[in-house]
Amino acid sequence: MPTLNQIKSIQKINDPLIRQRYLKYFQLPQDIREIFFAAETADKVYDVAQKNNLNENQLWWASHTAGMIILGETNIVDFVKTLQEKCELTEEPARQLARDINQAIFLPVKEDLKKIHKVPQWPREDETKETQVSPKIEGNVVNLKEQE
């Protein structure tokens, strides 16, 4: 919950949308608030943008979209669709961008984001689970068997 000083600061903001977003921000869990304005988060978004060959406008929209998801303004289930629209990407590049942002920024705070977005399971959570391969020795032959 926002403190009395934070509420007073928010009341001085003239723009109702910005005021509403600051109010939401102060209601977020501490770990989410820390990544929201962290320079490290901005660096991660920049690195993901470079990896995905985004131009400056696309970088801005990818960053904005990630921020709106952290804030709870954009629903996580609309992440790929929003990236497609805002960054003007086709489905697969938008999906890859979403996976990269998810890996770099969202996964460390996934449980809190699930609460903010009121989702029991992270979208496409199955895709982020790595299949483990362990060796099984039979005589002189090593067989690889998938485990889940």
N, C-alpha and C. Protein backbone atom coordinates (compact mmCIF):
# COMPACT_ATOMS: atom_id res chain seq x y z
N MET A 1 0.84 -1.19 0.00
CA MET A 1 0.00 0.00 0.00
C MET A 1 0.88 1.25 0.00
N PRO A 2 0.39 2.28 -0.67
CA PRO A 2 1.16 3.52 -0.70
C PRO A 2 1.18 4.19 0.68
N THR A 3 2.28 4.83 0.97
CA THR A 3 2.40 5.57 2.22
C THR A 3 1.65 6.90 2.08
N LEU A 4 1.50 7.60 3.19
CA LEU A 4 0.82 8.89 3.17
C LEU A 4 1.57 9.88 2.27
N ASN A 5 2.90 9.89 2.34
CA ASN A 5 3.69 10.79 1.48
C ASN A 5 3.53 10.43 0.00
N GLN A 6 3.49 9.13 -0.30
CA GLN A 6 3.30 8.71 -1.68
C GLN A 6 1.93 9.13 -2.19
N ILE A 7 0.91 9.00 -1.36
CA ILE A 7 -0.45 9.41 -1.74
C ILE A 7 -0.49 10.91 -2.01
N LYS A 8 0.17 11.69 -1.15
CA LYS A 8 0.22 13.15 -1.36
C LYS A 8 0.92 13.48 -2.68
N SER A 9 2.00 12.76 -2.98
CA SER A 9 2.72 12.98 -4.24
C SER A 9 1.84 12.63 -5.43
N ILE A 10 1.13 11.52 -5.33
CA ILE A 10 0.25 11.08 -6.41
C ILE A 10 -0.86 12.09 -6.66
N GLN A 11 -1.41 12.66 -5.59
CA GLN A 11 -2.50 13.63 -5.72
C GLN A 11 -2.07 14.89 -6.47
N LYS A 12 -0.78 15.19 -6.49
CA LYS A 12 -0.27 16.37 -7.19
C LYS A 12 -0.14 16.15 -8.69
N ILE A 13 -0.26 14.90 -9.14
CA ILE A 13 -0.13 14.58 -10.56
C ILE A 13 -1.44 14.96 -11.26
N ASN A 14 -1.35 15.79 -12.28
CA ASN A 14 -2.55 16.27 -12.98
C ASN A 14 -3.14 15.25 -13.94
N ASP A 15 -2.31 14.52 -14.64
CA ASP A 15 -2.79 13.56 -15.63
C ASP A 15 -3.40 12.34 -14.92
N PRO A 16 -4.71 12.08 -15.14
CA PRO A 16 -5.36 10.98 -14.43
C PRO A 16 -4.78 9.60 -14.76
N LEU A 17 -4.33 9.39 -15.99
CA LEU A 17 -3.76 8.10 -16.36
C LEU A 17 -2.43 7.87 -15.62
N ILE A 18 -1.59 8.88 -15.60
CA ILE A 18 -0.31 8.77 -14.90
C ILE A 18 -0.54 8.60 -13.40
N ARG A 19 -1.50 9.34 -12.87
CA ARG A 19 -1.84 9.21 -11.44
C ARG A 19 -2.28 7.78 -11.13
N GLN A 20 -3.13 7.22 -11.98
CA GLN A 20 -3.61 5.85 -11.79
C GLN A 20 -2.46 4.84 -11.85
N ARG A 21 -1.54 5.03 -12.78
CA ARG A 21 -0.40 4.12 -12.92
C ARG A 21 0.54 4.20 -11.72
N TYR A 22 0.78 5.41 -11.21
CA TYR A 22 1.62 5.52 -10.01
C TYR A 22 0.94 4.85 -8.82
N LEU A 23 -0.35 4.99 -8.71
CA LEU A 23 -1.08 4.34 -7.62
C LEU A 23 -0.93 2.82 -7.72
N LYS A 24 -1.07 2.28 -8.94
CA LYS A 24 -0.86 0.84 -9.16
C LYS A 24 0.57 0.45 -8.81
N TYR A 25 1.52 1.26 -9.24
CA TYR A 25 2.93 0.97 -8.98
C TYR A 25 3.18 0.80 -7.48
N PHE A 26 2.67 1.71 -6.66
CA PHE A 26 2.91 1.65 -5.23
C PHE A 26 2.19 0.48 -4.55
N GLN A 27 1.27 -0.17 -5.25
CA GLN A 27 0.58 -1.33 -4.71
C GLN A 27 1.23 -2.65 -5.14
N LEU A 28 2.25 -2.58 -6.00
CA LEU A 28 2.94 -3.77 -6.47
C LEU A 28 3.84 -4.35 -5.38
N PRO A 29 4.10 -5.66 -5.44
CA PRO A 29 5.07 -6.25 -4.51
C PRO A 29 6.45 -5.59 -4.70
N GLN A 30 7.24 -5.57 -3.65
CA GLN A 30 8.53 -4.89 -3.65
C GLN A 30 9.46 -5.36 -4.78
N ASP A 31 9.54 -6.66 -5.03
CA ASP A 31 10.45 -7.14 -6.07
C ASP A 31 10.03 -6.67 -7.46
N ILE A 32 8.73 -6.53 -7.67
CA ILE A 32 8.23 -6.03 -8.95
C ILE A 32 8.56 -4.54 -9.09
N ARG A 33 8.37 -3.77 -8.01
CA ARG A 33 8.70 -2.35 -8.05
C ARG A 33 10.19 -2.13 -8.33
N GLU A 34 11.02 -3.00 -7.78
CA GLU A 34 12.46 -2.85 -7.98
C GLU A 34 12.85 -3.05 -9.44
N ILE A 35 12.25 -4.03 -10.12
CA ILE A 35 12.63 -4.25 -11.52
C ILE A 35 12.00 -3.22 -12.45
N PHE A 36 10.92 -2.58 -12.02
CA PHE A 36 10.21 -1.64 -12.89
C PHE A 36 11.10 -0.49 -13.34
N PHE A 37 11.85 0.10 -12.42
CA PHE A 37 12.69 1.25 -12.75
C PHE A 37 14.18 0.93 -12.75
N ALA A 38 14.55 -0.34 -12.62
CA ALA A 38 15.96 -0.72 -12.53
C ALA A 38 16.69 -0.52 -13.86
N ALA A 39 17.89 0.02 -13.76
CA ALA A 39 18.74 0.18 -14.95
C ALA A 39 19.05 -1.18 -15.56
N GLU A 40 19.18 -2.19 -14.71
CA GLU A 40 19.46 -3.55 -15.20
C GLU A 40 18.32 -4.05 -16.09
N THR A 41 17.09 -3.71 -15.74
CA THR A 41 15.94 -4.11 -16.57
C THR A 41 16.02 -3.44 -17.93
N ALA A 42 16.34 -2.16 -17.93
CA ALA A 42 16.48 -1.43 -19.21
C ALA A 42 17.60 -2.05 -20.05
N ASP A 43 18.70 -2.41 -19.40
CA ASP A 43 19.80 -3.04 -20.13
C ASP A 43 19.37 -4.38 -20.73
N LYS A 44 18.59 -5.14 -19.98
CA LYS A 44 18.12 -6.44 -20.48
C LYS A 44 17.19 -6.26 -21.67
N VAL A 45 16.31 -5.27 -21.60
CA VAL A 45 15.41 -5.01 -22.73
C VAL A 45 16.22 -4.60 -23.95
N TYR A 46 17.22 -3.76 -23.74
CA TYR A 46 18.07 -3.34 -24.85
C TYR A 46 18.78 -4.54 -25.47
N ASP A 47 19.33 -5.42 -24.62
CA ASP A 47 20.02 -6.61 -25.13
C ASP A 47 19.08 -7.51 -25.93
N VAL A 48 17.86 -7.68 -25.41
CA VAL A 48 16.86 -8.49 -26.12
C VAL A 48 16.51 -7.84 -27.46
N ALA A 49 16.39 -6.52 -27.46
CA ALA A 49 16.08 -5.80 -28.70
C ALA A 49 17.19 -5.98 -29.72
N GLN A 50 18.43 -5.90 -29.27
CA GLN A 50 19.57 -6.11 -30.17
C GLN A 50 19.54 -7.52 -30.75
N LYS A 51 19.31 -8.50 -29.89
CA LYS A 51 19.27 -9.90 -30.31
C LYS A 51 18.19 -10.12 -31.36
N ASN A 52 17.07 -9.41 -31.23
CA ASN A 52 15.93 -9.58 -32.13
C ASN A 52 15.92 -8.54 -33.26
N ASN A 53 17.02 -7.81 -33.40
CA ASN A 53 17.17 -6.82 -34.49
C ASN A 53 16.05 -5.80 -34.55
N LEU A 54 15.67 -5.28 -33.39
CA LEU A 54 14.61 -4.27 -33.36
C LEU A 54 15.18 -2.89 -33.67
N ASN A 55 14.37 -2.07 -34.35
CA ASN A 55 14.78 -0.69 -34.56
C ASN A 55 14.42 0.13 -33.31
N GLU A 56 14.74 1.41 -33.31
CA GLU A 56 14.53 2.25 -32.13
C GLU A 56 13.05 2.31 -31.72
N ASN A 57 12.16 2.43 -32.68
CA ASN A 57 10.73 2.49 -32.39
C ASN A 57 10.24 1.17 -31.79
N GLN A 58 10.69 0.06 -32.36
CA GLN A 58 10.32 -1.25 -31.85
C GLN A 58 10.87 -1.47 -30.44
N LEU A 59 12.09 -1.00 -30.20
CA LEU A 59 12.67 -1.10 -28.86
C LEU A 59 11.80 -0.35 -27.86
N TRP A 60 11.37 0.85 -28.23
CA TRP A 60 10.53 1.64 -27.33
C TRP A 60 9.24 0.88 -27.02
N TRP A 61 8.59 0.34 -28.04
CA TRP A 61 7.32 -0.36 -27.83
C TRP A 61 7.51 -1.66 -27.05
N ALA A 62 8.60 -2.36 -27.29
CA ALA A 62 8.86 -3.59 -26.53
C ALA A 62 9.08 -3.25 -25.06
N SER A 63 9.81 -2.19 -24.80
CA SER A 63 10.06 -1.74 -23.43
C SER A 63 8.76 -1.29 -22.76
N HIS A 64 7.99 -0.51 -23.48
CA HIS A 64 6.71 -0.02 -22.96
C HIS A 64 5.77 -1.19 -22.65
N THR A 65 5.69 -2.14 -23.56
CA THR A 65 4.82 -3.29 -23.37
C THR A 65 5.25 -4.11 -22.15
N ALA A 66 6.55 -4.34 -22.02
CA ALA A 66 7.06 -5.07 -20.85
C ALA A 66 6.71 -4.32 -19.56
N GLY A 67 6.86 -3.00 -19.58
CA GLY A 67 6.50 -2.20 -18.41
C GLY A 67 5.03 -2.27 -18.08
N MET A 68 4.19 -2.26 -19.10
CA MET A 68 2.74 -2.33 -18.86
C MET A 68 2.33 -3.71 -18.34
N ILE A 69 3.07 -4.73 -18.72
CA ILE A 69 2.81 -6.07 -18.18
C ILE A 69 3.24 -6.12 -16.72
N ILE A 70 4.40 -5.57 -16.41
CA ILE A 70 4.86 -5.54 -15.02
C ILE A 70 3.87 -4.77 -14.16
N LEU A 71 3.34 -3.69 -14.69
CA LEU A 71 2.39 -2.86 -13.96
C LEU A 71 1.00 -3.50 -13.88
N GLY A 72 0.73 -4.45 -14.76
CA GLY A 72 -0.59 -5.08 -14.78
C GLY A 72 -1.57 -4.39 -15.71
N GLU A 73 -1.11 -3.42 -16.47
CA GLU A 73 -1.97 -2.69 -17.40
C GLU A 73 -2.26 -3.49 -18.67
N THR A 74 -1.26 -4.22 -19.16
CA THR A 74 -1.44 -5.11 -20.31
C THR A 74 -1.43 -6.52 -19.77
N ASN A 75 -2.44 -7.29 -20.12
CA ASN A 75 -2.52 -8.65 -19.62
C ASN A 75 -1.45 -9.52 -20.26
N ILE A 76 -0.84 -10.35 -19.46
CA ILE A 76 0.25 -11.21 -19.93
C ILE A 76 -0.20 -12.14 -21.05
N VAL A 77 -1.46 -12.53 -21.07
CA VAL A 77 -1.93 -13.42 -22.13
C VAL A 77 -1.98 -12.71 -23.48
N ASP A 78 -1.94 -11.37 -23.49
CA ASP A 78 -1.95 -10.59 -24.73
C ASP A 78 -0.55 -10.13 -25.15
N PHE A 79 0.47 -10.66 -24.51
CA PHE A 79 1.84 -10.20 -24.73
C PHE A 79 2.26 -10.31 -26.19
N VAL A 80 2.15 -11.48 -26.77
CA VAL A 80 2.59 -11.69 -28.16
C VAL A 80 1.77 -10.82 -29.11
N LYS A 81 0.47 -10.82 -28.93
CA LYS A 81 -0.41 -10.03 -29.80
C LYS A 81 -0.07 -8.54 -29.71
N THR A 82 0.19 -8.06 -28.51
CA THR A 82 0.54 -6.65 -28.32
C THR A 82 1.87 -6.33 -28.98
N LEU A 83 2.85 -7.22 -28.84
CA LEU A 83 4.15 -7.00 -29.50
C LEU A 83 3.99 -7.00 -31.01
N GLN A 84 3.14 -7.90 -31.53
CA GLN A 84 2.90 -7.93 -32.98
C GLN A 84 2.36 -6.58 -33.45
N GLU A 85 1.36 -6.07 -32.74
CA GLU A 85 0.72 -4.82 -33.15
C GLU A 85 1.64 -3.62 -32.97
N LYS A 86 2.20 -3.46 -31.78
CA LYS A 86 2.97 -2.26 -31.46
C LYS A 86 4.33 -2.22 -32.17
N CYS A 87 4.97 -3.39 -32.29
CA CYS A 87 6.29 -3.44 -32.92
C CYS A 87 6.22 -3.77 -34.41
N GLU A 88 4.99 -3.98 -34.89
CA GLU A 88 4.75 -4.30 -36.29
C GLU A 88 5.59 -5.51 -36.72
N LEU A 89 5.41 -6.60 -35.97
CA LEU A 89 6.12 -7.85 -36.24
C LEU A 89 5.12 -8.93 -36.65
N THR A 90 5.61 -9.90 -37.39
CA THR A 90 4.78 -11.06 -37.69
C THR A 90 4.77 -11.94 -36.44
N GLU A 91 3.95 -13.00 -36.47
CA GLU A 91 3.75 -13.79 -35.25
C GLU A 91 5.02 -14.42 -34.69
N GLU A 92 5.81 -15.08 -35.51
CA GLU A 92 6.98 -15.80 -34.98
C GLU A 92 8.03 -14.86 -34.39
N PRO A 93 8.40 -13.75 -35.07
CA PRO A 93 9.34 -12.82 -34.43
C PRO A 93 8.78 -12.21 -33.13
N ALA A 94 7.49 -11.94 -33.10
CA ALA A 94 6.87 -11.42 -31.87
C ALA A 94 6.90 -12.46 -30.77
N ARG A 95 6.65 -13.71 -31.13
CA ARG A 95 6.69 -14.81 -30.16
C ARG A 95 8.10 -14.98 -29.60
N GLN A 96 9.11 -14.89 -30.48
CA GLN A 96 10.51 -15.02 -30.02
C GLN A 96 10.88 -13.85 -29.11
N LEU A 97 10.47 -12.66 -29.48
CA LEU A 97 10.73 -11.48 -28.65
C LEU A 97 10.09 -11.65 -27.28
N ALA A 98 8.85 -12.12 -27.25
CA ALA A 98 8.15 -12.36 -25.98
C ALA A 98 8.89 -13.39 -25.14
N ARG A 99 9.35 -14.47 -25.78
CA ARG A 99 10.10 -15.50 -25.04
C ARG A 99 11.37 -14.91 -24.43
N ASP A 100 12.07 -14.08 -25.21
CA ASP A 100 13.33 -13.50 -24.74
C ASP A 100 13.09 -12.52 -23.57
N ILE A 101 12.06 -11.70 -23.68
CA ILE A 101 11.72 -10.77 -22.59
C ILE A 101 11.28 -11.56 -21.36
N ASN A 102 10.48 -12.58 -21.59
CA ASN A 102 10.02 -13.43 -20.50
C ASN A 102 11.22 -14.03 -19.75
N GLN A 103 12.16 -14.57 -20.50
CA GLN A 103 13.35 -15.21 -19.91
C GLN A 103 14.20 -14.19 -19.15
N ALA A 104 14.42 -13.03 -19.74
CA ALA A 104 15.33 -12.04 -19.17
C ALA A 104 14.72 -11.26 -18.01
N ILE A 105 13.42 -10.99 -18.06
CA ILE A 105 12.83 -10.06 -17.09
C ILE A 105 11.74 -10.68 -16.22
N PHE A 106 10.82 -11.40 -16.84
CA PHE A 106 9.63 -11.85 -16.11
C PHE A 106 9.84 -13.09 -15.25
N LEU A 107 10.64 -14.04 -15.70
CA LEU A 107 10.76 -15.30 -14.97
C LEU A 107 11.21 -15.14 -13.52
N PRO A 108 12.16 -14.25 -13.20
CA PRO A 108 12.56 -14.12 -11.80
C PRO A 108 11.42 -13.65 -10.87
N VAL A 109 10.42 -13.00 -11.44
CA VAL A 109 9.29 -12.49 -10.63
C VAL A 109 7.96 -13.10 -11.09
N LYS A 110 8.06 -14.27 -11.71
CA LYS A 110 6.89 -14.92 -12.32
C LYS A 110 5.74 -15.11 -11.33
N GLU A 111 6.03 -15.57 -10.13
CA GLU A 111 4.95 -15.86 -9.17
C GLU A 111 4.18 -14.60 -8.81
N ASP A 112 4.87 -13.48 -8.62
CA ASP A 112 4.17 -12.22 -8.34
C ASP A 112 3.39 -11.74 -9.55
N LEU A 113 3.95 -11.91 -10.75
CA LEU A 113 3.23 -11.52 -11.96
C LEU A 113 1.97 -12.37 -12.16
N LYS A 114 2.03 -13.64 -11.80
CA LYS A 114 0.84 -14.50 -11.90
C LYS A 114 -0.26 -13.96 -11.00
N LYS A 115 0.10 -13.46 -9.82
CA LYS A 115 -0.90 -12.88 -8.90
C LYS A 115 -1.46 -11.57 -9.46
N ILE A 116 -0.58 -10.73 -9.99
CA ILE A 116 -1.02 -9.44 -10.54
C ILE A 116 -1.99 -9.66 -11.70
N HIS A 117 -1.69 -10.64 -12.55
CA HIS A 117 -2.51 -10.91 -13.73
C HIS A 117 -3.62 -11.92 -13.47
N LYS A 118 -3.64 -12.44 -12.23
CA LYS A 118 -4.68 -13.40 -11.83
C LYS A 118 -4.75 -14.60 -12.78
N VAL A 119 -3.57 -15.17 -13.06
CA VAL A 119 -3.49 -16.36 -13.90
C VAL A 119 -2.88 -17.49 -13.07
N PRO A 120 -3.49 -18.68 -13.10
CA PRO A 120 -2.95 -19.79 -12.32
C PRO A 120 -1.66 -20.36 -12.93
N GLN A 121 -1.53 -20.24 -14.25
CA GLN A 121 -0.36 -20.76 -14.93
C GLN A 121 0.14 -19.69 -15.89
N TRP A 122 1.45 -19.56 -15.93
CA TRP A 122 2.09 -18.61 -16.84
C TRP A 122 1.78 -19.01 -18.28
N PRO A 123 1.43 -18.07 -19.16
CA PRO A 123 1.14 -18.43 -20.54
C PRO A 123 2.29 -19.20 -21.18
N ARG A 124 1.95 -20.30 -21.81
CA ARG A 124 2.91 -21.16 -22.52
C ARG A 124 4.03 -21.62 -21.60
N GLU A 125 3.68 -21.81 -20.31
CA GLU A 125 4.67 -22.21 -19.31
C GLU A 125 5.36 -23.51 -19.70
N ASP A 126 4.65 -24.39 -20.39
CA ASP A 126 5.22 -25.66 -20.81
C ASP A 126 6.44 -25.44 -21.71
N GLU A 127 6.42 -24.36 -22.51
CA GLU A 127 7.53 -24.11 -23.44
C GLU A 127 8.80 -23.70 -22.72
N THR A 128 8.69 -23.15 -21.51
CA THR A 128 9.88 -22.71 -20.80
C THR A 128 10.53 -23.83 -20.01
N LYS A 129 9.82 -24.95 -19.84
CA LYS A 129 10.39 -26.08 -19.13
C LYS A 129 11.32 -26.82 -20.07
N GLU A 130 12.54 -27.03 -19.62
CA GLU A 130 13.50 -27.75 -20.45
C GLU A 130 13.33 -29.24 -20.22
N THR A 131 13.40 -29.99 -21.28
CA THR A 131 13.36 -31.45 -21.16
C THR A 131 14.72 -31.90 -20.68
N GLN A 132 14.72 -32.68 -19.61
CA GLN A 132 15.97 -33.17 -19.07
C GLN A 132 16.32 -34.49 -19.75
N VAL A 133 17.58 -34.64 -20.07
CA VAL A 133 18.05 -35.88 -20.68
C VAL A 133 19.08 -36.49 -19.73
N SER A 134 18.84 -37.74 -19.36
CA SER A 134 19.80 -38.41 -18.48
C SER A 134 20.25 -39.70 -19.13
N PRO A 135 21.51 -40.03 -18.93
CA PRO A 135 22.01 -41.26 -19.54
C PRO A 135 21.52 -42.48 -18.78
N LYS A 136 21.24 -43.55 -19.52
CA LYS A 136 20.87 -44.83 -18.94
C LYS A 136 21.85 -45.86 -19.50
N ILE A 137 22.61 -46.45 -18.63
CA ILE A 137 23.66 -47.37 -19.07
C ILE A 137 23.09 -48.78 -19.12
N GLU A 138 23.20 -49.39 -20.29
CA GLU A 138 22.78 -50.77 -20.49
C GLU A 138 23.97 -51.52 -21.08
N GLY A 139 24.62 -52.32 -20.27
CA GLY A 139 25.82 -53.02 -20.74
C GLY A 139 26.90 -52.02 -21.09
N ASN A 140 27.41 -52.08 -22.31
CA ASN A 140 28.43 -51.14 -22.75
C ASN A 140 27.84 -49.99 -23.57
N VAL A 141 26.51 -49.90 -23.65
CA VAL A 141 25.85 -48.89 -24.48
C VAL A 141 25.16 -47.88 -23.57
N VAL A 142 25.32 -46.61 -23.90
CA VAL A 142 24.64 -45.55 -23.16
C VAL A 142 23.46 -45.08 -23.99
N ASN A 143 22.25 -45.21 -23.44
CA ASN A 143 21.03 -44.73 -24.11
C ASN A 143 20.61 -43.43 -23.43
N LEU A 144 20.13 -42.48 -24.22
CA LEU A 144 19.60 -41.25 -23.66
C LEU A 144 18.09 -41.37 -23.60
N LYS A 145 17.55 -41.12 -22.42
CA LYS A 145 16.12 -41.25 -22.22
C LYS A 145 15.59 -39.91 -21.71
N GLU A 146 14.52 -39.39 -22.34
CA GLU A 146 13.94 -38.14 -21.91
C GLU A 146 13.18 -38.34 -20.62
N GLN A 147 13.31 -37.37 -19.73
CA GLN A 147 12.55 -37.36 -18.48
C GLN A 147 11.80 -36.06 -18.40
N GLU A 148 10.61 -36.09 -17.82
CA GLU A 148 9.86 -34.86 -17.65
C GLU A 148 9.60 -34.59 -16.21
